[in-house]
C-alpha atoms as a PDB file:
ATOM      1  CA  UNK A   1    -195.028  31.817 156.734  1.00  0.00           C
ATOM      2  CA  UNK A   2    -198.326  33.459 155.817  1.00  0.00           C
ATOM      3  CA  UNK A   3    -201.419  31.511 154.643  1.00  0.00           C
ATOM      4  CA  UNK A   4    -201.830  31.045 150.898  1.00  0.00           C
ATOM      5  CA  UNK A   5    -203.986  28.967 148.499  1.00  0.00           C
ATOM      6  CA  UNK A   6    -202.187  26.052 146.943  1.00  0.00           C
ATOM      7  CA  UNK A   7    -202.849  25.043 143.300  1.00  0.00           C
ATOM      8  CA  UNK A   8    -201.654  22.112 141.203  1.00  0.00           C
ATOM      9  CA  UNK A   9    -202.566  22.940 137.616  1.00  0.00           C
ATOM     10  CA  UNK A  10    -202.615  20.130 135.058  1.00  0.00           C
ATOM     11  CA  UNK A  11    -201.350  22.190 132.142  1.00  0.00           C
ATOM     12  CA  UNK A  12    -199.223  25.335 131.366  1.00  0.00           C
ATOM     13  CA  UNK A  13    -202.399  27.057 130.162  1.00  0.00           C
ATOM     14  CA  UNK A  14    -204.126  26.481 133.484  1.00  0.00           C
ATOM     15  CA  UNK A  15    -201.091  27.715 135.351  1.00  0.00           C
ATOM     16  CA  UNK A  16    -201.042  30.904 133.240  1.00  0.00           C
ATOM     17  CA  UNK A  17    -204.818  31.339 133.954  1.00  0.00           C
ATOM     18  CA  UNK A  18    -204.099  31.218 137.707  1.00  0.00           C
ATOM     19  CA  UNK A  19    -201.308  33.789 137.323  1.00  0.00           C
ATOM     20  CA  UNK A  20    -203.573  36.156 135.434  1.00  0.00           C
ATOM     21  CA  UNK A  21    -206.441  35.707 137.884  1.00  0.00           C
ATOM     22  CA  UNK A  22    -204.339  36.288 141.042  1.00  0.00           C
ATOM     23  CA  UNK A  23    -202.174  39.333 141.024  1.00  0.00           C
ATOM     24  CA  UNK A  24    -200.058  38.245 143.994  1.00  0.00           C
ATOM     25  CA  UNK A  25    -199.684  34.577 142.907  1.00  0.00           C
ATOM     26  CA  UNK A  26    -196.309  32.895 142.663  1.00  0.00           C
ATOM     27  CA  UNK A  27    -195.077  29.963 140.501  1.00  0.00           C
ATOM     28  CA  UNK A  28    -193.179  27.148 142.175  1.00  0.00           C
ATOM     29  CA  UNK A  29    -190.997  24.711 140.337  1.00  0.00           C
ATOM     30  CA  UNK A  30    -188.328  23.265 142.625  1.00  0.00           C
ATOM     31  CA  UNK A  31    -188.953  25.817 145.371  1.00  0.00           C
ATOM     32  CA  UNK A  32    -185.256  26.146 146.318  1.00  0.00           C
ATOM     33  CA  UNK A  33    -185.512  29.940 146.636  1.00  0.00           C
ATOM     34  CA  UNK A  34    -189.188  30.532 146.999  1.00  0.00           C
ATOM     35  CA  UNK A  35    -189.762  28.243 150.064  1.00  0.00           C
ATOM     36  CA  UNK A  36    -186.944  29.782 152.217  1.00  0.00           C
ATOM     37  CA  UNK A  37    -188.245  33.178 151.162  1.00  0.00           C
ATOM     38  CA  UNK A  38    -191.753  32.322 152.383  1.00  0.00           C
ATOM     39  CA  UNK A  39    -190.418  30.922 155.615  1.00  0.00           C
ATOM     40  CA  UNK A  40    -188.546  34.131 156.379  1.00  0.00           C
ATOM     41  CA  UNK A  41    -191.702  36.112 155.447  1.00  0.00           C
ATOM     42  CA  UNK A  42    -189.832  38.031 152.739  1.00  0.00           C
ATOM     43  CA  UNK A  43    -192.740  37.163 150.336  1.00  0.00           C
ATOM     44  CA  UNK A  44    -196.413  36.547 151.078  1.00  0.00           C
ATOM     45  CA  UNK A  45    -198.176  35.394 147.930  1.00  0.00           C
ATOM     46  CA  UNK A  46    -201.900  34.880 148.038  1.00  0.00           C
ATOM     47  CA  UNK A  47    -201.630  31.817 145.798  1.00  0.00           C
ATOM     48  CA  UNK A  48    -198.830  29.265 145.180  1.00  0.00           C
ATOM     49  CA  UNK A  49    -199.000  27.519 141.795  1.00  0.00           C
ATOM     50  CA  UNK A  50    -197.007  24.328 141.824  1.00  0.00           C
ATOM     51  CA  UNK A  51    -195.847  23.149 138.342  1.00  0.00           C
ATOM     52  CA  UNK A  52    -194.841  19.664 139.557  1.00  0.00           C
ATOM     53  CA  UNK A  53    -197.887  17.992 137.879  1.00  0.00           C
ATOM     54  CA  UNK A  54    -197.704  19.808 134.594  1.00  0.00           C
ATOM     55  CA  UNK A  55    -196.778  17.229 131.870  1.00  0.00           C
ATOM     56  CA  UNK A  56    -194.465  17.694 128.934  1.00  0.00           C
ATOM     57  CA  UNK A  57    -192.218  20.302 130.502  1.00  0.00           C
ATOM     58  CA  UNK A  58    -189.623  18.011 131.884  1.00  0.00           C
ATOM     59  CA  UNK A  59    -186.947  15.908 130.162  1.00  0.00           C
ATOM     60  CA  UNK A  60    -184.228  16.147 127.467  1.00  0.00           C
ATOM     61  CA  UNK A  61    -184.351  15.559 123.749  1.00  0.00           C
ATOM     62  CA  UNK A  62    -182.482  16.414 120.611  1.00  0.00           C
ATOM     63  CA  UNK A  63    -184.217  18.491 117.883  1.00  0.00           C
ATOM     64  CA  UNK A  64    -181.904  18.787 114.912  1.00  0.00           C
ATOM     65  CA  UNK A  65    -178.893  20.846 115.855  1.00  0.00           C
ATOM     66  CA  UNK A  66    -180.430  21.800 119.281  1.00  0.00           C
ATOM     67  CA  UNK A  67    -180.712  20.170 122.632  1.00  0.00           C
ATOM     68  CA  UNK A  68    -184.068  20.868 124.250  1.00  0.00           C
ATOM     69  CA  UNK A  69    -184.440  20.728 128.012  1.00  0.00           C
ATOM     70  CA  UNK A  70    -187.821  21.033 129.713  1.00  0.00           C
ATOM     71  CA  UNK A  71    -188.182  23.806 132.276  1.00  0.00           C
ATOM     72  CA  UNK A  72    -189.007  21.338 135.108  1.00  0.00           C
ATOM     73  CA  UNK A  73    -185.859  19.169 134.485  1.00  0.00           C
ATOM     74  CA  UNK A  74    -183.809  19.038 137.608  1.00  0.00           C
ATOM     75  CA  UNK A  75    -180.150  19.968 137.894  1.00  0.00           C
ATOM     76  CA  UNK A  76    -179.294  16.371 138.739  1.00  0.00           C
ATOM     77  CA  UNK A  77    -181.138  15.173 135.618  1.00  0.00           C
ATOM     78  CA  UNK A  78    -179.263  17.621 133.398  1.00  0.00           C
ATOM     79  CA  UNK A  79    -176.024  16.583 134.975  1.00  0.00           C
ATOM     80  CA  UNK A  80    -176.706  12.851 134.626  1.00  0.00           C
ATOM     81  CA  UNK A  81    -178.491  12.749 131.276  1.00  0.00           C
ATOM     82  CA  UNK A  82    -176.553  10.757 128.674  1.00  0.00           C
ATOM     83  CA  UNK A  83    -177.629  13.081 125.787  1.00  0.00           C
ATOM     84  CA  UNK A  84    -176.493  16.225 127.581  1.00  0.00           C
ATOM     85  CA  UNK A  85    -173.106  14.541 128.472  1.00  0.00           C
ATOM     86  CA  UNK A  86    -172.615  13.514 124.880  1.00  0.00           C
ATOM     87  CA  UNK A  87    -173.704  16.758 123.126  1.00  0.00           C
ATOM     88  CA  UNK A  88    -172.965  19.486 125.603  1.00  0.00           C
ATOM     89  CA  UNK A  89    -170.696  18.085 128.311  1.00  0.00           C
ATOM     90  CA  UNK A  90    -169.826  21.621 129.520  1.00  0.00           C
ATOM     91  CA  UNK A  91    -173.479  22.078 130.417  1.00  0.00           C
ATOM     92  CA  UNK A  92    -173.622  18.764 132.214  1.00  0.00           C
ATOM     93  CA  UNK A  93    -170.587  19.756 134.210  1.00  0.00           C
ATOM     94  CA  UNK A  94    -172.234  23.086 135.135  1.00  0.00           C
ATOM     95  CA  UNK A  95    -175.344  21.391 136.348  1.00  0.00           C
ATOM     96  CA  UNK A  96    -173.224  19.075 138.560  1.00  0.00           C
ATOM     97  CA  UNK A  97    -171.637  22.085 140.300  1.00  0.00           C
ATOM     98  CA  UNK A  98    -174.917  23.644 141.420  1.00  0.00           C
ATOM     99  CA  UNK A  99    -175.538  23.745 145.163  1.00  0.00           C
ATOM    100  CA  UNK A 100    -175.446  20.380 146.880  1.00  0.00           C
ATOM    101  CA  UNK A 101    -177.169  16.989 146.087  1.00  0.00           C
ATOM    102  CA  UNK A 102    -180.412  18.099 147.869  1.00  0.00           C
ATOM    103  CA  UNK A 103    -180.649  21.274 145.744  1.00  0.00           C
ATOM    104  CA  UNK A 104    -179.688  19.455 142.480  1.00  0.00           C
ATOM    105  CA  UNK A 105    -182.416  16.880 142.917  1.00  0.00           C
ATOM    106  CA  UNK A 106    -185.140  19.459 143.519  1.00  0.00           C
ATOM    107  CA  UNK A 107    -184.081  22.635 141.821  1.00  0.00           C
ATOM    108  CA  UNK A 108    -185.015  22.996 138.168  1.00  0.00           C
ATOM    109  CA  UNK A 109    -183.433  24.760 135.148  1.00  0.00           C
ATOM    110  CA  UNK A 110    -186.588  26.806 134.550  1.00  0.00           C
ATOM    111  CA  UNK A 111    -186.982  27.836 138.053  1.00  0.00           C
ATOM    112  CA  UNK A 112    -183.276  28.862 138.389  1.00  0.00           C
ATOM    113  CA  UNK A 113    -183.343  31.002 135.274  1.00  0.00           C
ATOM    114  CA  UNK A 114    -186.640  32.598 136.064  1.00  0.00           C
ATOM    115  CA  UNK A 115    -185.338  33.528 139.531  1.00  0.00           C
ATOM    116  CA  UNK A 116    -182.252  35.139 137.817  1.00  0.00           C
ATOM    117  CA  UNK A 117    -180.084  35.093 140.971  1.00  0.00           C
ATOM    118  CA  UNK A 118    -176.924  36.952 140.062  1.00  0.00           C
ATOM    119  CA  UNK A 119    -174.740  34.151 141.450  1.00  0.00           C
ATOM    120  CA  UNK A 120    -176.678  31.273 139.764  1.00  0.00           C
ATOM    121  CA  UNK A 121    -174.832  29.011 137.345  1.00  0.00           C
ATOM    122  CA  UNK A 122    -177.334  28.487 134.538  1.00  0.00           C
ATOM    123  CA  UNK A 123    -177.278  32.149 133.314  1.00  0.00           C
ATOM    124  CA  UNK A 124    -173.668  31.636 132.301  1.00  0.00           C
ATOM    125  CA  UNK A 125    -174.500  28.420 130.521  1.00  0.00           C
ATOM    126  CA  UNK A 126    -177.598  29.723 128.647  1.00  0.00           C
ATOM    127  CA  UNK A 127    -175.881  32.919 127.623  1.00  0.00           C
ATOM    128  CA  UNK A 128    -172.637  31.286 126.824  1.00  0.00           C
ATOM    129  CA  UNK A 129    -174.252  28.689 124.540  1.00  0.00           C
ATOM    130  CA  UNK A 130    -176.600  31.255 122.906  1.00  0.00           C
ATOM    131  CA  UNK A 131    -179.651  29.408 124.143  1.00  0.00           C
ATOM    132  CA  UNK A 132    -183.371  30.361 123.588  1.00  0.00           C
ATOM    133  CA  UNK A 133    -186.037  30.338 126.280  1.00  0.00           C
ATOM    134  CA  UNK A 134    -189.326  29.031 125.076  1.00  0.00           C
ATOM    135  CA  UNK A 135    -192.348  30.324 127.077  1.00  0.00           C
ATOM    136  CA  UNK A 136    -196.115  29.795 126.774  1.00  0.00           C
ATOM    137  CA  UNK A 137    -196.119  32.995 124.717  1.00  0.00           C
ATOM    138  CA  UNK A 138    -192.927  33.439 122.671  1.00  0.00           C
ATOM    139  CA  UNK A 139    -189.183  32.683 122.353  1.00  0.00           C
ATOM    140  CA  UNK A 140    -186.599  34.846 124.127  1.00  0.00           C
ATOM    141  CA  UNK A 141    -182.876  34.781 123.311  1.00  0.00           C
ATOM    142  CA  UNK A 142    -180.703  34.236 126.415  1.00  0.00           C
ATOM    143  CA  UNK A 143    -178.787  37.421 125.564  1.00  0.00           C
ATOM    144  CA  UNK A 144    -182.051  39.387 126.080  1.00  0.00           C
ATOM    145  CA  UNK A 145    -183.536  37.280 128.919  1.00  0.00           C
ATOM    146  CA  UNK A 146    -181.422  38.403 131.975  1.00  0.00           C
ATOM    147  CA  UNK A 147    -181.920  42.148 132.340  1.00  0.00           C
ATOM    148  CA  UNK A 148    -180.919  42.891 135.937  1.00  0.00           C
ATOM    149  CA  UNK A 149    -180.640  41.826 139.553  1.00  0.00           C
ATOM    150  CA  UNK A 150    -183.277  39.073 139.986  1.00  0.00           C
ATOM    151  CA  UNK A 151    -184.964  40.585 136.876  1.00  0.00           C
ATOM    152  CA  UNK A 152    -185.786  38.897 133.487  1.00  0.00           C
ATOM    153  CA  UNK A 153    -187.637  39.705 130.352  1.00  0.00           C
ATOM    154  CA  UNK A 154    -190.582  37.506 131.425  1.00  0.00           C
ATOM    155  CA  UNK A 155    -193.968  39.112 131.541  1.00  0.00           C
ATOM    156  CA  UNK A 156    -196.258  38.646 134.629  1.00  0.00           C
ATOM    157  CA  UNK A 157    -198.223  35.666 133.260  1.00  0.00           C
ATOM    158  CA  UNK A 158    -195.396  34.193 131.190  1.00  0.00           C
ATOM    159  CA  UNK A 159    -193.969  30.746 132.017  1.00  0.00           C
ATOM    160  CA  UNK A 160    -190.859  29.076 130.799  1.00  0.00           C
ATOM    161  CA  UNK A 161    -191.638  25.708 129.266  1.00  0.00           C
ATOM    162  CA  UNK A 162    -188.177  24.850 127.940  1.00  0.00           C
ATOM    163  CA  UNK A 163    -184.734  25.914 126.934  1.00  0.00           C
ATOM    164  CA  UNK A 164    -183.255  25.269 123.454  1.00  0.00           C
ATOM    165  CA  UNK A 165    -179.476  24.998 123.352  1.00  0.00           C
ATOM    166  CA  UNK A 166    -177.549  25.081 119.955  1.00  0.00           C
ATOM    167  CA  UNK A 167    -175.206  22.149 120.076  1.00  0.00           C
ATOM    168  CA  UNK A 168    -171.693  23.666 120.285  1.00  0.00           C
ATOM    169  CA  UNK A 169    -168.378  22.477 118.900  1.00  0.00           C
ATOM    170  CA  UNK A 170    -166.872  22.682 122.455  1.00  0.00           C
ATOM    171  CA  UNK A 171    -167.717  24.256 125.808  1.00  0.00           C
ATOM    172  CA  UNK A 172    -166.401  24.358 129.353  1.00  0.00           C
ATOM    173  CA  UNK A 173    -167.442  25.983 132.670  1.00  0.00           C
ATOM    174  CA  UNK A 174    -165.104  27.267 135.374  1.00  0.00           C
ATOM    175  CA  UNK A 175    -166.372  28.477 138.716  1.00  0.00           C
ATOM    176  CA  UNK A 176    -165.073  30.021 141.965  1.00  0.00           C
ATOM    177  CA  UNK A 177    -167.577  28.364 144.350  1.00  0.00           C
ATOM    178  CA  UNK A 178    -168.790  29.971 147.546  1.00  0.00           C
ATOM    179  CA  UNK A 179    -167.832  27.358 150.158  1.00  0.00           C
ATOM    180  CA  UNK A 180    -171.100  27.588 152.123  1.00  0.00           C
ATOM    181  CA  UNK A 181    -173.872  28.190 149.574  1.00  0.00           C
ATOM    182  CA  UNK A 182    -172.311  26.628 146.492  1.00  0.00           C
ATOM    183  CA  UNK A 183    -173.237  29.696 144.472  1.00  0.00           C
ATOM    184  CA  UNK A 184    -170.797  31.187 142.012  1.00  0.00           C
ATOM    185  CA  UNK A 185    -168.752  34.049 143.410  1.00  0.00           C
ATOM    186  CA  UNK A 186    -167.629  34.072 139.809  1.00  0.00           C
ATOM    187  CA  UNK A 187    -168.467  31.675 136.993  1.00  0.00           C
ATOM    188  CA  UNK A 188    -167.231  31.683 133.383  1.00  0.00           C
ATOM    189  CA  UNK A 189    -168.693  29.699 130.540  1.00  0.00           C
ATOM    190  CA  UNK A 190    -166.645  29.520 127.270  1.00  0.00           C
ATOM    191  CA  UNK A 191    -168.140  27.993 124.105  1.00  0.00           C
ATOM    192  CA  UNK A 192    -166.985  27.474 120.611  1.00  0.00           C
ATOM    193  CA  UNK A 193    -170.132  27.541 118.496  1.00  0.00           C
ATOM    194  CA  UNK A 194    -170.923  27.457 114.813  1.00  0.00           C
ATOM    195  CA  UNK A 195    -171.594  31.177 115.001  1.00  0.00           C
ATOM    196  CA  UNK A 196    -168.359  31.983 116.875  1.00  0.00           C
ATOM    197  CA  UNK A 197    -166.768  32.043 120.351  1.00  0.00           C
ATOM    198  CA  UNK A 198    -168.893  33.114 123.346  1.00  0.00           C
ATOM    199  CA  UNK A 199    -167.698  33.957 126.807  1.00  0.00           C
ATOM    200  CA  UNK A 200    -170.380  34.479 129.521  1.00  0.00           C
ATOM    201  CA  UNK A 201    -170.012  35.409 133.126  1.00  0.00           C
ATOM    202  CA  UNK A 202    -172.174  34.957 136.167  1.00  0.00           C
ATOM    203  CA  UNK A 203    -171.665  35.886 139.863  1.00  0.00           C
ATOM    204  CA  UNK A 204    -169.560  38.901 139.057  1.00  0.00           C
ATOM    205  CA  UNK A 205    -172.351  41.404 138.085  1.00  0.00           C
ATOM    206  CA  UNK A 206    -176.019  42.014 138.672  1.00  0.00           C
ATOM    207  CA  UNK A 207    -176.861  39.550 135.857  1.00  0.00           C
ATOM    208  CA  UNK A 208    -174.995  37.403 133.359  1.00  0.00           C
ATOM    209  CA  UNK A 209    -172.996  39.268 130.720  1.00  0.00           C
ATOM    210  CA  UNK A 210    -170.587  38.521 127.850  1.00  0.00           C
ATOM    211  CA  UNK A 211    -167.074  39.697 127.312  1.00  0.00           C
ATOM    212  CA  UNK A 212    -166.670  40.757 123.685  1.00  0.00           C
ATOM    213  CA  UNK A 213    -163.021  41.523 123.923  1.00  0.00           C
ATOM    214  CA  UNK A 214    -162.311  37.942 124.941  1.00  0.00           C
ATOM    215  CA  UNK A 215    -164.586  36.552 122.237  1.00  0.00           C
ATOM    216  CA  UNK A 216    -162.781  38.545 119.532  1.00  0.00           C
ATOM    217  CA  UNK A 217    -159.326  37.518 120.783  1.00  0.00           C
ATOM    218  CA  UNK A 218    -160.311  33.844 121.047  1.00  0.00           C
ATOM    219  CA  UNK A 219    -161.803  33.842 117.584  1.00  0.00           C
ATOM    220  CA  UNK A 220    -158.386  34.648 116.208  1.00  0.00           C
ATOM    221  CA  UNK A 221    -156.378  32.487 118.629  1.00  0.00           C
ATOM    222  CA  UNK A 222    -158.224  30.049 120.876  1.00  0.00           C
ATOM    223  CA  UNK A 223    -155.557  29.928 123.654  1.00  0.00           C
ATOM    224  CA  UNK A 224    -155.337  31.105 127.238  1.00  0.00           C
ATOM    225  CA  UNK A 225    -152.440  33.311 126.259  1.00  0.00           C
ATOM    226  CA  UNK A 226    -154.652  35.251 123.852  1.00  0.00           C
ATOM    227  CA  UNK A 227    -156.733  36.616 126.670  1.00  0.00           C
ATOM    228  CA  UNK A 228    -154.309  36.789 129.581  1.00  0.00           C
ATOM    229  CA  UNK A 229    -153.910  40.595 129.221  1.00  0.00           C
ATOM    230  CA  UNK A 230    -157.610  41.429 128.829  1.00  0.00           C
ATOM    231  CA  UNK A 231    -158.795  43.305 131.829  1.00  0.00           C
ATOM    232  CA  UNK A 232    -162.461  43.309 132.922  1.00  0.00           C
ATOM    233  CA  UNK A 233    -163.831  46.717 134.012  1.00  0.00           C
ATOM    234  CA  UNK A 234    -164.731  46.406 137.692  1.00  0.00           C
ATOM    235  CA  UNK A 235    -166.923  49.515 137.689  1.00  0.00           C
ATOM    236  CA  UNK A 236    -170.224  47.666 137.294  1.00  0.00           C
ATOM    237  CA  UNK A 237    -169.404  44.467 139.189  1.00  0.00           C
ATOM    238  CA  UNK A 238    -170.636  43.265 142.463  1.00  0.00           C
ATOM    239  CA  UNK A 239    -168.828  44.413 145.596  1.00  0.00           C
ATOM    240  CA  UNK A 240    -169.883  42.660 148.733  1.00  0.00           C
ATOM    241  CA  UNK A 241    -168.708  40.654 151.827  1.00  0.00           C
ATOM    242  CA  UNK A 242    -167.852  37.689 149.589  1.00  0.00           C
ATOM    243  CA  UNK A 243    -165.475  39.493 147.167  1.00  0.00           C
ATOM    244  CA  UNK A 244    -164.636  42.984 145.993  1.00  0.00           C
ATOM    245  CA  UNK A 245    -165.373  44.208 142.532  1.00  0.00           C
ATOM    246  CA  UNK A 246    -161.653  44.359 141.687  1.00  0.00           C
ATOM    247  CA  UNK A 247    -161.134  40.831 142.873  1.00  0.00           C
ATOM    248  CA  UNK A 248    -164.088  39.589 140.844  1.00  0.00           C
ATOM    249  CA  UNK A 249    -162.692  41.333 137.726  1.00  0.00           C
ATOM    250  CA  UNK A 250    -159.374  39.567 138.176  1.00  0.00           C
ATOM    251  CA  UNK A 251    -161.029  36.224 138.775  1.00  0.00           C
ATOM    252  CA  UNK A 252    -163.066  36.513 135.564  1.00  0.00           C
ATOM    253  CA  UNK A 253    -159.825  36.511 133.543  1.00  0.00           C
ATOM    254  CA  UNK A 254    -158.282  33.735 135.600  1.00  0.00           C
ATOM    255  CA  UNK A 255    -161.314  31.465 135.061  1.00  0.00           C
ATOM    256  CA  UNK A 256    -161.671  32.281 131.426  1.00  0.00           C
ATOM    257  CA  UNK A 257    -158.042  31.294 130.869  1.00  0.00           C
ATOM    258  CA  UNK A 258    -158.605  28.066 132.790  1.00  0.00           C
ATOM    259  CA  UNK A 259    -161.738  27.278 130.773  1.00  0.00           C
ATOM    260  CA  UNK A 260    -159.918  27.782 127.444  1.00  0.00           C
ATOM    261  CA  UNK A 261    -156.909  25.758 128.673  1.00  0.00           C
ATOM    262  CA  UNK A 262    -159.243  22.867 129.537  1.00  0.00           C
ATOM    263  CA  UNK A 263    -159.569  22.136 125.790  1.00  0.00           C
ATOM    264  CA  UNK A 264    -155.957  21.058 125.765  1.00  0.00           C
END
């Protein structure tokens, strides 16, 4: 690990100023990806900006028809929060499937989404629920947030402060879990929202994506049978030592059917 300056800003505005002033600075929320990367010397920031002491960007509240989750809220808190379990149990279940207890008690929703790991769970939940990312500068629809492999729409000095989730009619998450890392080899989030059915996938491609064919079929007939013959194109899917692209394409349909069947 290389030497770096360590900062603990007291506000989002201060954190943004540090980012603007130091070109090679890095933000840290839970540090679940950043710290191992530093230890392996795969990154060497000149400055580390820890958001742990920034107030008002942690916690869960309801705002009308939306559930608002602060960026520094841990996965464990999302999983255990009574309001999340009541209003979006599918999201609570997703958070409870992330990594292991140590990761869930340190990792945060904002950090996970900003990192945009292709096998992370939250991208499927945010896209599947039609969430909106609130930053220190603007609002970004989840559909527009994940743009590629470890790549988001965030600008260099932009910081996620919270995520706003429209409260759905129903939702469920199914995941093929990597046995060692706990990451999603494939994860599928299905939601019935006031605006329609949404089906979002993580783990299978470079970033989270939706399956419009399944959404259209489920809008007409919300049943596993309605999507059993929908094939996912494997052409743009991940192909690695964990699973082939063809296998992932098959698993997407299997998990989507299981998610729909979970409604009973």
